[in-house]
PDB file of N, CA and C in Angstrom:
ATOM      1  N   MET A   1      -5.668 -10.099  17.491  1.00  0.00           N
ATOM      2  CA  MET A   1      -5.810  -9.289  16.300  1.00  0.00           C
ATOM      3  C   MET A   1      -4.447  -9.233  15.597  1.00  0.00           C
ATOM      4  N   THR A   2      -4.482  -9.217  14.310  1.00  0.00           N
ATOM      5  CA  THR A   2      -3.249  -9.204  13.529  1.00  0.00           C
ATOM      6  C   THR A   2      -2.703  -7.799  13.368  1.00  0.00           C
ATOM      7  N   VAL A   3      -1.441  -7.734  13.006  1.00  0.00           N
ATOM      8  CA  VAL A   3      -0.813  -6.440  12.744  1.00  0.00           C
ATOM      9  C   VAL A   3      -1.567  -5.726  11.625  1.00  0.00           C
ATOM     10  N   LYS A   4      -1.940  -6.468  10.587  1.00  0.00           N
ATOM     11  CA  LYS A   4      -2.671  -5.867   9.464  1.00  0.00           C
ATOM     12  C   LYS A   4      -3.975  -5.229   9.939  1.00  0.00           C
ATOM     13  N   LYS A   5      -4.717  -5.958  10.741  1.00  0.00           N
ATOM     14  CA  LYS A   5      -5.999  -5.428  11.239  1.00  0.00           C
ATOM     15  C   LYS A   5      -5.774  -4.204  12.126  1.00  0.00           C
ATOM     16  N   ASP A   6      -4.734  -4.260  12.965  1.00  0.00           N
ATOM     17  CA  ASP A   6      -4.425  -3.111  13.825  1.00  0.00           C
ATOM     18  C   ASP A   6      -4.084  -1.879  12.989  1.00  0.00           C
ATOM     19  N   LEU A   7      -3.283  -2.074  11.957  1.00  0.00           N
ATOM     20  CA  LEU A   7      -2.916  -0.963  11.081  1.00  0.00           C
ATOM     21  C   LEU A   7      -4.129  -0.427  10.327  1.00  0.00           C
ATOM     22  N   GLU A   8      -4.989  -1.311   9.875  1.00  0.00           N
ATOM     23  CA  GLU A   8      -6.201  -0.879   9.178  1.00  0.00           C
ATOM     24  C   GLU A   8      -7.087  -0.054  10.104  1.00  0.00           C
ATOM     25  N   LYS A   9      -7.184  -0.471  11.373  1.00  0.00           N
ATOM     26  CA  LYS A   9      -7.964   0.295  12.348  1.00  0.00           C
ATOM     27  C   LYS A   9      -7.329   1.666  12.587  1.00  0.00           C
ATOM     28  N   ALA A  10      -6.007   1.711  12.635  1.00  0.00           N
ATOM     29  CA  ALA A  10      -5.309   2.982  12.838  1.00  0.00           C
ATOM     30  C   ALA A  10      -5.531   3.917  11.655  1.00  0.00           C
ATOM     31  N   VAL A  11      -5.503   3.374  10.443  1.00  0.00           N
ATOM     32  CA  VAL A  11      -5.760   4.186   9.249  1.00  0.00           C
ATOM     33  C   VAL A  11      -7.179   4.740   9.300  1.00  0.00           C
ATOM     34  N   ALA A  12      -8.137   3.907   9.643  1.00  0.00           N
ATOM     35  CA  ALA A  12      -9.535   4.355   9.713  1.00  0.00           C
ATOM     36  C   ALA A  12      -9.705   5.453  10.764  1.00  0.00           C
ATOM     37  N   ALA A  13      -9.068   5.287  11.909  1.00  0.00           N
ATOM     38  CA  ALA A  13      -9.162   6.301  12.961  1.00  0.00           C
ATOM     39  C   ALA A  13      -8.514   7.612  12.509  1.00  0.00           C
ATOM     40  N   ALA A  14      -7.386   7.511  11.839  1.00  0.00           N
ATOM     41  CA  ALA A  14      -6.705   8.714  11.343  1.00  0.00           C
ATOM     42  C   ALA A  14      -7.544   9.421  10.287  1.00  0.00           C
ATOM     43  N   GLU A  15      -8.174   8.649   9.420  1.00  0.00           N
ATOM     44  CA  GLU A  15      -9.059   9.239   8.399  1.00  0.00           C
ATOM     45  C   GLU A  15     -10.235   9.954   9.067  1.00  0.00           C
ATOM     46  N   ALA A  16     -10.784   9.345  10.114  1.00  0.00           N
ATOM     47  CA  ALA A  16     -11.901   9.962  10.827  1.00  0.00           C
ATOM     48  C   ALA A  16     -11.452  11.264  11.487  1.00  0.00           C
ATOM     49  N   ALA A  17     -10.291  11.247  12.113  1.00  0.00           N
ATOM     50  CA  ALA A  17      -9.777  12.461  12.755  1.00  0.00           C
ATOM     51  C   ALA A  17      -9.540  13.549  11.714  1.00  0.00           C
ATOM     52  N   LYS A  18      -8.974  13.164  10.582  1.00  0.00           N
ATOM     53  CA  LYS A  18      -8.732  14.130   9.500  1.00  0.00           C
ATOM     54  C   LYS A  18     -10.045  14.786   9.072  1.00  0.00           C
ATOM     55  N   GLY A  19     -11.093  14.004   8.921  1.00  0.00           N
ATOM     56  CA  GLY A  19     -12.395  14.541   8.538  1.00  0.00           C
ATOM     57  C   GLY A  19     -12.956  15.483   9.587  1.00  0.00           C
ATOM     58  N   THR A  20     -12.762  15.134  10.843  1.00  0.00           N
ATOM     59  CA  THR A  20     -13.227  15.983  11.931  1.00  0.00           C
ATOM     60  C   THR A  20     -12.493  17.314  11.920  1.00  0.00           C
ATOM     61  N   TYR A  21     -11.165  17.277  11.757  1.00  0.00           N
ATOM     62  CA  TYR A  21     -10.387  18.518  11.719  1.00  0.00           C
ATOM     63  C   TYR A  21     -10.799  19.391  10.537  1.00  0.00           C
ATOM     64  N   ALA A  22     -11.026  18.769   9.392  1.00  0.00           N
ATOM     65  CA  ALA A  22     -11.447  19.530   8.211  1.00  0.00           C
ATOM     66  C   ALA A  22     -12.811  20.179   8.448  1.00  0.00           C
ATOM     67  N   ALA A  23     -13.717  19.445   9.097  1.00  0.00           N
ATOM     68  CA  ALA A  23     -15.039  19.995   9.395  1.00  0.00           C
ATOM     69  C   ALA A  23     -14.935  21.162  10.375  1.00  0.00           C
ATOM     70  N   PHE A  24     -14.073  21.019  11.394  1.00  0.00           N
ATOM     71  CA  PHE A  24     -13.869  22.109  12.338  1.00  0.00           C
ATOM     72  C   PHE A  24     -13.345  23.350  11.616  1.00  0.00           C
ATOM     73  N   SER A  25     -12.388  23.147  10.723  1.00  0.00           N
ATOM     74  CA  SER A  25     -11.804  24.258   9.981  1.00  0.00           C
ATOM     75  C   SER A  25     -12.866  24.986   9.163  1.00  0.00           C
ATOM     76  N   ALA A  26     -13.715  24.208   8.513  1.00  0.00           N
ATOM     77  CA  ALA A  26     -14.743  24.791   7.649  1.00  0.00           C
ATOM     78  C   ALA A  26     -15.845  25.500   8.441  1.00  0.00           C
ATOM     79  N   SER A  27     -16.022  25.106   9.692  1.00  0.00           N
ATOM     80  CA  SER A  27     -17.162  25.638  10.439  1.00  0.00           C
ATOM     81  C   SER A  27     -16.826  26.836  11.336  1.00  0.00           C
ATOM     82  N   THR A  28     -15.572  27.261  11.334  1.00  0.00           N
ATOM     83  CA  THR A  28     -15.220  28.399  12.184  1.00  0.00           C
ATOM     84  C   THR A  28     -14.847  29.626  11.361  1.00  0.00           C
ATOM     85  N   ASP A  29     -15.134  30.774  11.930  1.00  0.00           N
ATOM     86  CA  ASP A  29     -14.740  32.034  11.296  1.00  0.00           C
ATOM     87  C   ASP A  29     -13.417  32.544  11.862  1.00  0.00           C
ATOM     88  N   ASP A  30     -12.924  31.892  12.902  1.00  0.00           N
ATOM     89  CA  ASP A  30     -11.677  32.285  13.556  1.00  0.00           C
ATOM     90  C   ASP A  30     -10.499  31.836  12.688  1.00  0.00           C
ATOM     91  N   GLN A  31      -9.792  32.795  12.103  1.00  0.00           N
ATOM     92  CA  GLN A  31      -8.690  32.483  11.181  1.00  0.00           C
ATOM     93  C   GLN A  31      -7.605  31.656  11.868  1.00  0.00           C
ATOM     94  N   GLY A  32      -7.315  31.973  13.116  1.00  0.00           N
ATOM     95  CA  GLY A  32      -6.304  31.217  13.853  1.00  0.00           C
ATOM     96  C   GLY A  32      -6.710  29.764  14.025  1.00  0.00           C
ATOM     97  N   ALA A  33      -7.977  29.543  14.348  1.00  0.00           N
ATOM     98  CA  ALA A  33      -8.482  28.179  14.508  1.00  0.00           C
ATOM     99  C   ALA A  33      -8.478  27.447  13.162  1.00  0.00           C
ATOM    100  N   GLN A  34      -8.862  28.144  12.094  1.00  0.00           N
ATOM    101  CA  GLN A  34      -8.839  27.526  10.762  1.00  0.00           C
ATOM    102  C   GLN A  34      -7.431  27.063  10.417  1.00  0.00           C
ATOM    103  N   THR A  35      -6.456  27.923  10.650  1.00  0.00           N
ATOM    104  CA  THR A  35      -5.067  27.583  10.357  1.00  0.00           C
ATOM    105  C   THR A  35      -4.632  26.365  11.172  1.00  0.00           C
ATOM    106  N   MET A  36      -4.981  26.362  12.450  1.00  0.00           N
ATOM    107  CA  MET A  36      -4.623  25.240  13.308  1.00  0.00           C
ATOM    108  C   MET A  36      -5.231  23.936  12.793  1.00  0.00           C
ATOM    109  N   PHE A  37      -6.525  23.959  12.491  1.00  0.00           N
ATOM    110  CA  PHE A  37      -7.190  22.742  12.025  1.00  0.00           C
ATOM    111  C   PHE A  37      -6.687  22.313  10.644  1.00  0.00           C
ATOM    112  N   ASP A  38      -6.376  23.280   9.789  1.00  0.00           N
ATOM    113  CA  ASP A  38      -5.800  22.944   8.481  1.00  0.00           C
ATOM    114  C   ASP A  38      -4.448  22.254   8.653  1.00  0.00           C
ATOM    115  N   GLN A  39      -3.634  22.745   9.583  1.00  0.00           N
ATOM    116  CA  GLN A  39      -2.347  22.114   9.848  1.00  0.00           C
ATOM    117  C   GLN A  39      -2.525  20.712  10.424  1.00  0.00           C
ATOM    118  N   MET A  40      -3.512  20.561  11.291  1.00  0.00           N
ATOM    119  CA  MET A  40      -3.792  19.244  11.869  1.00  0.00           C
ATOM    120  C   MET A  40      -4.257  18.269  10.778  1.00  0.00           C
ATOM    121  N   THR A  41      -5.036  18.774   9.834  1.00  0.00           N
ATOM    122  CA  THR A  41      -5.478  17.949   8.703  1.00  0.00           C
ATOM    123  C   THR A  41      -4.271  17.495   7.883  1.00  0.00           C
ATOM    124  N   GLN A  42      -3.343  18.407   7.632  1.00  0.00           N
ATOM    125  CA  GLN A  42      -2.131  18.051   6.886  1.00  0.00           C
ATOM    126  C   GLN A  42      -1.281  17.050   7.664  1.00  0.00           C
ATOM    127  N   ASP A  43      -1.216  17.211   8.980  1.00  0.00           N
ATOM    128  CA  ASP A  43      -0.489  16.247   9.811  1.00  0.00           C
ATOM    129  C   ASP A  43      -1.099  14.854   9.660  1.00  0.00           C
ATOM    130  N   MET A  44      -2.425  14.796   9.645  1.00  0.00           N
ATOM    131  CA  MET A  44      -3.089  13.495   9.515  1.00  0.00           C
ATOM    132  C   MET A  44      -2.801  12.880   8.148  1.00  0.00           C
ATOM    133  N   ASP A  45      -2.684  13.706   7.105  1.00  0.00           N
ATOM    134  CA  ASP A  45      -2.307  13.172   5.792  1.00  0.00           C
ATOM    135  C   ASP A  45      -0.965  12.455   5.878  1.00  0.00           C
ATOM    136  N   ARG A  46      -0.021  13.066   6.585  1.00  0.00           N
ATOM    137  CA  ARG A  46       1.297  12.435   6.748  1.00  0.00           C
ATOM    138  C   ARG A  46       1.194  11.157   7.576  1.00  0.00           C
ATOM    139  N   HIS A  47       0.405  11.193   8.631  1.00  0.00           N
ATOM    140  CA  HIS A  47       0.229  10.001   9.467  1.00  0.00           C
ATOM    141  C   HIS A  47      -0.386   8.861   8.655  1.00  0.00           C
ATOM    142  N   ILE A  48      -1.391   9.192   7.876  1.00  0.00           N
ATOM    143  CA  ILE A  48      -2.069   8.182   7.058  1.00  0.00           C
ATOM    144  C   ILE A  48      -1.104   7.589   6.037  1.00  0.00           C
ATOM    145  N   ALA A  49      -0.299   8.432   5.427  1.00  0.00           N
ATOM    146  CA  ALA A  49       0.689   7.942   4.459  1.00  0.00           C
ATOM    147  C   ALA A  49       1.680   7.003   5.129  1.00  0.00           C
ATOM    148  N   GLN A  50       2.122   7.345   6.324  1.00  0.00           N
ATOM    149  CA  GLN A  50       3.068   6.484   7.038  1.00  0.00           C
ATOM    150  C   GLN A  50       2.416   5.158   7.415  1.00  0.00           C
ATOM    151  N   LEU A  51       1.185   5.208   7.880  1.00  0.00           N
ATOM    152  CA  LEU A  51       0.483   3.983   8.242  1.00  0.00           C
ATOM    153  C   LEU A  51       0.264   3.099   7.010  1.00  0.00           C
ATOM    154  N   ASN A  52      -0.139   3.715   5.902  1.00  0.00           N
ATOM    155  CA  ASN A  52      -0.350   2.936   4.677  1.00  0.00           C
ATOM    156  C   ASN A  52       0.957   2.337   4.170  1.00  0.00           C
ATOM    157  N   SER A  53       2.045   3.070   4.319  1.00  0.00           N
ATOM    158  CA  SER A  53       3.352   2.549   3.927  1.00  0.00           C
ATOM    159  C   SER A  53       3.702   1.325   4.769  1.00  0.00           C
ATOM    160  N   ARG A  54       3.460   1.422   6.059  1.00  0.00           N
ATOM    161  CA  ARG A  54       3.741   0.285   6.949  1.00  0.00           C
ATOM    162  C   ARG A  54       2.823  -0.887   6.612  1.00  0.00           C
ATOM    163  N   LEU A  55       1.589  -0.595   6.308  1.00  0.00           N
ATOM    164  CA  LEU A  55       0.638  -1.639   5.934  1.00  0.00           C
ATOM    165  C   LEU A  55       1.093  -2.352   4.669  1.00  0.00           C
ATOM    166  N   SER A  56       1.567  -1.590   3.685  1.00  0.00           N
ATOM    167  CA  SER A  56       2.067  -2.183   2.442  1.00  0.00           C
ATOM    168  C   SER A  56       3.295  -3.040   2.686  1.00  0.00           C
ATOM    169  N   SER A  57       4.225  -2.532   3.489  1.00  0.00           N
ATOM    170  CA  SER A  57       5.445  -3.307   3.734  1.00  0.00           C
ATOM    171  C   SER A  57       5.139  -4.564   4.537  1.00  0.00           C
ATOM    172  N   THR A  58       4.167  -4.495   5.418  1.00  0.00           N
ATOM    173  CA  THR A  58       3.759  -5.680   6.176  1.00  0.00           C
ATOM    174  C   THR A  58       3.173  -6.721   5.231  1.00  0.00           C
ATOM    175  N   ALA A  59       2.339  -6.275   4.294  1.00  0.00           N
ATOM    176  CA  ALA A  59       1.738  -7.195   3.325  1.00  0.00           C
ATOM    177  C   ALA A  59       2.810  -7.799   2.417  1.00  0.00           C
ATOM    178  N   GLU A  60       3.775  -6.982   1.997  1.00  0.00           N
ATOM    179  CA  GLU A  60       4.851  -7.481   1.143  1.00  0.00           C
ATOM    180  C   GLU A  60       5.713  -8.502   1.879  1.00  0.00           C
ATOM    181  N   ASN A  61       6.002  -8.234   3.152  1.00  0.00           N
ATOM    182  CA  ASN A  61       6.780  -9.165   3.954  1.00  0.00           C
ATOM    183  C   ASN A  61       6.062 -10.494   4.121  1.00  0.00           C
ATOM    184  N   LYS A  62       4.757 -10.416   4.345  1.00  0.00           N
ATOM    185  CA  LYS A  62       3.976 -11.644   4.504  1.00  0.00           C
ATOM    186  C   LYS A  62       3.991 -12.447   3.212  1.00  0.00           C
ATOM    187  N   LEU A  63       3.817 -11.774   2.077  1.00  0.00           N
ATOM    188  CA  LEU A  63       3.824 -12.444   0.786  1.00  0.00           C
ATOM    189  C   LEU A  63       5.187 -13.071   0.534  1.00  0.00           C
ATOM    190  N   SER A  64       6.229 -12.340   0.827  1.00  0.00           N
ATOM    191  CA  SER A  64       7.587 -12.846   0.634  1.00  0.00           C
ATOM    192  C   SER A  64       7.848 -14.071   1.506  1.00  0.00           C
ATOM    193  N   ASN A  65       7.388 -14.017   2.747  1.00  0.00           N
ATOM    194  CA  ASN A  65       7.564 -15.137   3.665  1.00  0.00           C
ATOM    195  C   ASN A  65       6.785 -16.370   3.196  1.00  0.00           C
ATOM    196  N   GLN A  66       5.607 -16.149   2.628  1.00  0.00           N
ATOM    197  CA  GLN A  66       4.808 -17.268   2.127  1.00  0.00           C
ATOM    198  C   GLN A  66       5.477 -17.899   0.898  1.00  0.00           C
ATOM    199  N   GLN A  67       6.069 -17.082   0.056  1.00  0.00           N
ATOM    200  CA  GLN A  67       6.719 -17.604  -1.149  1.00  0.00           C
ATOM    201  C   GLN A  67       7.995 -18.361  -0.799  1.00  0.00           C
ATOM    202  N   ASN A  68       8.640 -17.982   0.291  1.00  0.00           N
ATOM    203  CA  ASN A  68       9.886 -18.637   0.693  1.00  0.00           C
ATOM    204  C   ASN A  68       9.640 -19.898   1.510  1.00  0.00           C
ATOM    205  N   SER A  69       8.397 -20.157   1.853  1.00  0.00           N
ATOM    206  CA  SER A  69       8.090 -21.344   2.661  1.00  0.00           C
ATOM    207  C   SER A  69       7.990 -22.586   1.814  1.00  0.00           C
TER     208      SER A  69
END
């Protein structure tokens, strides 16, 4: 499997986890649990941004390497 495919799988998994945390937050009346799940959702936003950044830089590096060949 390629680095690109691995990163795409990681992004998809992070998006799924983010959705799960958001659903947990919405389905509980426990304020402490809501806060925890909301924070976890925000953490996943940061993780997804980092993964997408790495995915973009990997694609740019590949393009650059192809142009230099």
